[in-house]
Every structure is written in structure tokens, then in C-alpha cells.
Amino acid sequence: MKVFVTAAVALGVLTVAPAFASQELAAAKNCMACHAVDRQLVGPSYQAVAEKRGGEENAVAYLAEKIQKGGSGVYGPVPMPPNPQVSDEEAVTLAEWVLSFK
């Protein structure tokens, strides 16, 4: 029984780890200064972005590019500045994480 419980706990940690790691990445890249998961700050919530873009075929690529190059006019008048410190791989990881909130 103890082995089963240990395995279940380990599986739960592995299941949650990618989402947590992406939140840590978002914090490390200063995304959380302007965005929150469930409410608008300076920029839209991640849930709002996922709701708007989640059904698009190229959503990950689109968001990854917006993360790196910035943009304006999609969610209001406040532009999102470019984030050149975010690598291509990190941008894809962040875009997939944001889309997971749909």
C-alpha cells in the first residue's frame, strides 16, 4: 500500500511540474509583471488570451512570436513590448502554457 501511495504522489508531482515550471519561467522573464492567470493587469489575463487564441491552428507559433516581438492593438491600446531575452524554445513553452488555460 505504501508503494502505491508513493507512486501516486510521485505521479501527481510529475503531472503538475510542467505547469509550475512554466509559471516560474513566466516570472523569470517578467511576464507576470503585466499579466496574471485569471485577471487583467496591464495586459490581458492568460485565460483571456487562451480563450481568444486557443482554437486557432497556429496559436502556439502566433503567441510565441508575440511574446518575443511584442505587439499592439489586439487587447486594447497598451502595447506589449518586445522580449528579446526570451529564446525561441522559451517562447514556445510559454505560449503552450498560456494556451493550457483554455
Protein backbone atom coordinates (compact mmCIF):
# COMPACT_ATOMS: atom_id res chain seq x y z
CA MET A 1 0.00 0.00 0.00
CA LYS A 2 2.82 2.41 0.88
CA VAL A 3 4.43 1.84 -2.54
CA PHE A 4 1.12 2.64 -4.28
CA VAL A 5 0.71 5.88 -2.33
CA THR A 6 4.31 6.89 -3.03
CA ALA A 7 3.85 6.19 -6.74
CA ALA A 8 0.60 8.15 -6.84
CA VAL A 9 2.21 11.14 -5.12
CA ALA A 10 5.20 11.00 -7.49
CA LEU A 11 2.87 10.85 -10.49
CA GLY A 12 0.95 13.84 -9.19
CA VAL A 13 4.16 15.83 -8.81
CA LEU A 14 5.23 14.94 -12.34
CA THR A 15 1.83 15.96 -13.69
CA VAL A 16 1.96 19.37 -12.02
CA ALA A 17 5.65 20.07 -12.63
CA PRO A 18 5.40 21.35 -16.24
CA ALA A 19 2.71 23.90 -15.36
CA PHE A 20 4.66 25.05 -12.33
CA ALA A 21 7.88 25.22 -14.34
CA SER A 22 6.18 27.40 -16.95
CA GLN A 23 4.85 29.74 -14.27
CA GLU A 24 8.38 30.01 -12.92
CA LEU A 25 9.61 30.76 -16.44
CA ALA A 26 6.93 33.42 -16.87
CA ALA A 27 8.01 35.01 -13.59
CA ALA A 28 11.70 34.80 -14.52
CA LYS A 29 11.05 36.51 -17.86
CA ASN A 30 8.97 39.27 -16.18
CA CYS A 31 5.70 38.21 -17.88
CA MET A 32 3.91 38.26 -14.54
CA ALA A 33 4.63 41.97 -14.12
CA CYS A 34 1.94 42.73 -16.73
CA HIS A 35 -0.12 39.52 -16.89
CA ALA A 36 -1.94 37.27 -14.42
CA VAL A 37 -3.62 33.93 -14.94
CA ASP A 38 -7.16 34.99 -14.09
CA ARG A 39 -7.39 38.79 -14.21
CA GLN A 40 -6.30 41.68 -16.36
CA LEU A 41 -3.36 43.72 -15.13
CA VAL A 42 -1.56 45.90 -17.65
CA GLY A 43 -2.16 43.22 -20.27
CA PRO A 44 -4.88 40.61 -20.64
CA SER A 45 -5.14 37.56 -18.38
CA TYR A 46 -3.67 34.32 -19.65
CA GLN A 47 -7.19 32.87 -19.55
CA ALA A 48 -8.43 35.64 -21.89
CA VAL A 49 -5.56 35.01 -24.31
CA ALA A 50 -6.21 31.27 -24.25
CA GLU A 51 -9.91 31.81 -24.84
CA LYS A 52 -9.27 34.11 -27.80
CA ARG A 53 -6.44 32.14 -29.44
CA GLY A 54 -6.97 28.58 -28.20
CA GLY A 55 -8.93 27.38 -31.24
CA GLU A 56 -6.52 28.71 -33.83
CA GLU A 57 -4.41 26.23 -35.75
CA ASN A 58 -1.21 28.26 -35.42
CA ALA A 59 -1.86 29.59 -31.92
CA VAL A 60 1.43 28.44 -30.39
CA ALA A 61 3.54 29.95 -33.17
CA TYR A 62 1.48 33.16 -33.15
CA LEU A 63 1.81 33.64 -29.39
CA ALA A 64 5.49 32.68 -29.34
CA GLU A 65 6.17 35.38 -31.92
CA LYS A 66 4.09 37.96 -30.00
CA ILE A 67 5.97 37.08 -26.80
CA GLN A 68 9.31 37.76 -28.47
CA LYS A 69 8.42 40.65 -30.80
CA GLY A 70 5.61 42.32 -28.87
CA GLY A 71 2.53 43.83 -30.46
CA SER A 72 -0.31 46.28 -30.07
CA GLY A 73 -4.00 46.77 -30.67
CA VAL A 74 -5.17 43.22 -30.05
CA TYR A 75 -6.31 43.68 -26.43
CA GLY A 76 -6.50 47.45 -26.25
CA PRO A 77 -4.29 50.49 -26.63
CA VAL A 78 -1.41 49.43 -24.35
CA PRO A 79 1.34 47.83 -26.47
CA MET A 80 3.20 44.73 -25.37
CA PRO A 81 6.92 45.44 -25.59
CA PRO A 82 9.27 43.01 -27.31
CA ASN A 83 11.03 40.46 -25.13
CA PRO A 84 14.29 39.63 -26.90
CA GLN A 85 15.62 37.93 -23.74
CA VAL A 86 13.11 35.10 -24.36
CA SER A 87 14.59 32.36 -26.56
CA ASP A 88 12.59 30.60 -29.27
CA GLU A 89 12.26 27.50 -27.07
CA GLU A 90 11.17 29.53 -24.06
CA ALA A 91 8.61 31.43 -26.15
CA VAL A 92 7.05 28.15 -27.32
CA THR A 93 6.99 26.81 -23.76
CA LEU A 94 5.30 30.00 -22.53
CA ALA A 95 2.79 30.01 -25.41
CA GLU A 96 1.83 26.38 -24.74
CA TRP A 97 1.45 27.18 -21.04
CA VAL A 98 -0.76 30.20 -21.73
CA LEU A 99 -2.95 28.15 -24.09
CA SER A 100 -3.37 25.49 -21.39
CA PHE A 101 -5.73 27.89 -19.57
CA LYS A 102 -8.48 27.48 -22.19
